[in-house]
Amino acid sequence: MATSRSTVKLTATFEANLAAVESFLMHGEPSGAFDRLLGELADHVIPNLERFPAMGRRFPDGPPGSVEARHAWERLRARFGTPEIREYVAGDFVILYALRDRVVFLLAVKHHRQLTYALADPRQ
């Protein structure tokens, strides 16, 4: 019996976050860490989300606490409707994604030691 798979799409913000993660990793992580992240995304994260799109934990657990977070949340809702926002932990990295219908939008990625997600305008 065939199961329907979700489609995983990378946003421009996610791609920009990858560049920021690469820069972060160049200042203290062993060489090859960024290549391992790319391999993890291609070999595990994306295939897992295609099969099990709701596998990440819900984000946030409560209402946004700051004005900036509320504005970012409102921009996400304006772009995606009322999506489920979830976090996927992959080794040292945390990935923020939106789930709407059978489409997974990768929104942001960060190393667990980076302070926050860098969420730009979600229209990107």
Protein backbone atom coordinates (compact mmCIF):
# COMPACT_ATOMS: atom_id res chain seq x y z
CA MET A 1 0.00 0.00 0.00
CA ALA A 2 1.53 3.30 -1.09
CA THR A 3 1.53 6.18 1.34
CA SER A 4 1.44 9.74 0.14
CA ARG A 5 4.59 11.68 0.79
CA SER A 6 4.87 15.29 1.74
CA THR A 7 6.78 17.77 -0.38
CA VAL A 8 9.67 19.53 1.34
CA LYS A 9 10.51 23.07 0.19
CA LEU A 10 13.43 25.24 1.28
CA THR A 11 12.69 28.91 1.86
CA ALA A 12 15.16 31.67 1.00
CA THR A 13 15.52 32.33 4.73
CA PHE A 14 16.50 28.71 5.32
CA GLU A 15 19.15 28.96 2.61
CA ALA A 16 20.46 32.19 4.17
CA ASN A 17 20.56 30.44 7.56
CA LEU A 18 22.70 27.70 6.03
CA ALA A 19 25.25 30.34 5.04
CA ALA A 20 25.17 31.75 8.60
CA VAL A 21 25.63 28.25 10.05
CA GLU A 22 28.58 27.67 7.73
CA SER A 23 30.18 30.90 8.96
CA PHE A 24 29.45 29.96 12.59
CA LEU A 25 31.04 26.55 12.12
CA MET A 26 34.20 28.02 10.60
CA HIS A 27 34.88 29.64 13.98
CA GLY A 28 35.38 26.70 16.28
CA GLU A 29 33.95 23.48 14.89
CA PRO A 30 36.07 20.71 13.39
CA SER A 31 36.47 20.89 9.64
CA GLY A 32 33.80 19.02 7.74
CA ALA A 33 30.99 19.91 10.17
CA PHE A 34 29.08 21.88 7.54
CA ASP A 35 29.43 19.08 4.98
CA ARG A 36 28.07 16.67 7.59
CA LEU A 37 25.08 18.99 8.12
CA LEU A 38 24.37 19.03 4.37
CA GLY A 39 24.65 15.25 4.29
CA GLU A 40 22.30 14.94 7.28
CA LEU A 41 19.76 17.18 5.54
CA ALA A 42 19.90 15.21 2.29
CA ASP A 43 20.16 11.71 3.74
CA HIS A 44 17.93 11.90 6.81
CA VAL A 45 16.06 15.13 7.56
CA ILE A 46 14.33 15.69 4.21
CA PRO A 47 13.45 11.99 3.67
CA ASN A 48 12.10 11.77 7.25
CA LEU A 49 9.95 14.88 6.79
CA GLU A 50 8.65 13.58 3.47
CA ARG A 51 7.42 10.45 5.22
CA PHE A 52 6.59 11.80 8.68
CA PRO A 53 5.95 15.55 8.38
CA ALA A 54 4.58 15.95 11.91
CA MET A 55 7.53 14.24 13.61
CA GLY A 56 9.06 17.44 15.02
CA ARG A 57 7.89 18.95 18.30
CA ARG A 58 5.41 21.82 18.17
CA PHE A 59 6.91 25.30 18.30
CA PRO A 60 6.27 27.42 20.24
CA ASP A 61 4.63 25.61 23.13
CA GLY A 62 2.98 28.82 24.29
CA PRO A 63 2.18 32.23 22.88
CA PRO A 64 5.16 34.32 21.73
CA GLY A 65 6.50 36.31 24.66
CA SER A 66 7.99 39.36 22.97
CA VAL A 67 6.65 41.93 20.53
CA GLU A 68 9.25 40.87 17.96
CA ALA A 69 8.27 37.21 18.29
CA ARG A 70 4.58 38.07 17.93
CA HIS A 71 5.32 40.06 14.76
CA ALA A 72 7.37 37.19 13.32
CA TRP A 73 4.53 34.77 14.19
CA GLU A 74 1.98 37.04 12.49
CA ARG A 75 4.15 37.22 9.34
CA LEU A 76 4.39 33.43 9.26
CA ARG A 77 0.62 33.10 9.63
CA ALA A 78 0.08 35.70 6.89
CA ARG A 79 2.23 33.69 4.49
CA PHE A 80 1.22 30.15 5.41
CA GLY A 81 -2.29 30.59 6.83
CA THR A 82 -2.43 28.76 10.13
CA PRO A 83 0.38 26.29 9.76
CA GLU A 84 1.77 23.95 12.31
CA ILE A 85 5.20 25.25 13.23
CA ARG A 86 7.54 22.51 14.39
CA GLU A 87 11.17 21.93 15.37
CA TYR A 88 13.27 19.01 14.20
CA VAL A 89 16.47 18.25 16.11
CA ALA A 90 19.20 16.69 13.99
CA GLY A 91 22.41 16.16 15.94
CA ASP A 92 23.81 19.59 16.83
CA PHE A 93 21.26 21.41 14.66
CA VAL A 94 17.70 22.56 15.16
CA ILE A 95 15.44 23.08 12.16
CA LEU A 96 12.27 25.15 12.26
CA TYR A 97 9.61 24.22 9.72
CA ALA A 98 6.01 24.97 8.82
CA LEU A 99 3.61 22.20 7.90
CA ARG A 100 0.59 23.03 5.79
CA ASP A 101 -1.43 20.27 4.19
CA ARG A 102 1.21 17.91 2.74
CA VAL A 103 3.88 20.58 2.24
CA VAL A 104 6.80 21.11 4.62
CA PHE A 105 8.48 24.53 4.40
CA LEU A 106 11.95 24.57 5.93
CA LEU A 107 12.03 28.00 7.59
CA ALA A 108 15.26 28.21 9.58
CA VAL A 109 18.23 26.21 10.81
CA LYS A 110 20.73 26.90 13.56
CA HIS A 111 23.47 25.17 15.49
CA HIS A 112 22.25 24.51 19.03
CA ARG A 113 24.86 26.99 20.35
CA GLN A 114 23.60 29.84 18.17
CA LEU A 115 21.37 32.13 20.17
CA THR A 116 18.20 32.36 18.08
CA TYR A 117 16.64 31.57 14.76
CA ALA A 118 17.29 34.24 12.15
CA LEU A 119 13.85 34.66 10.62
CA ALA A 120 13.78 37.14 7.80
CA ASP A 121 10.69 38.18 5.92
CA PRO A 122 8.79 34.89 5.35
CA ARG A 123 7.89 35.92 1.80
CA GLN A 124 11.44 35.01 0.84
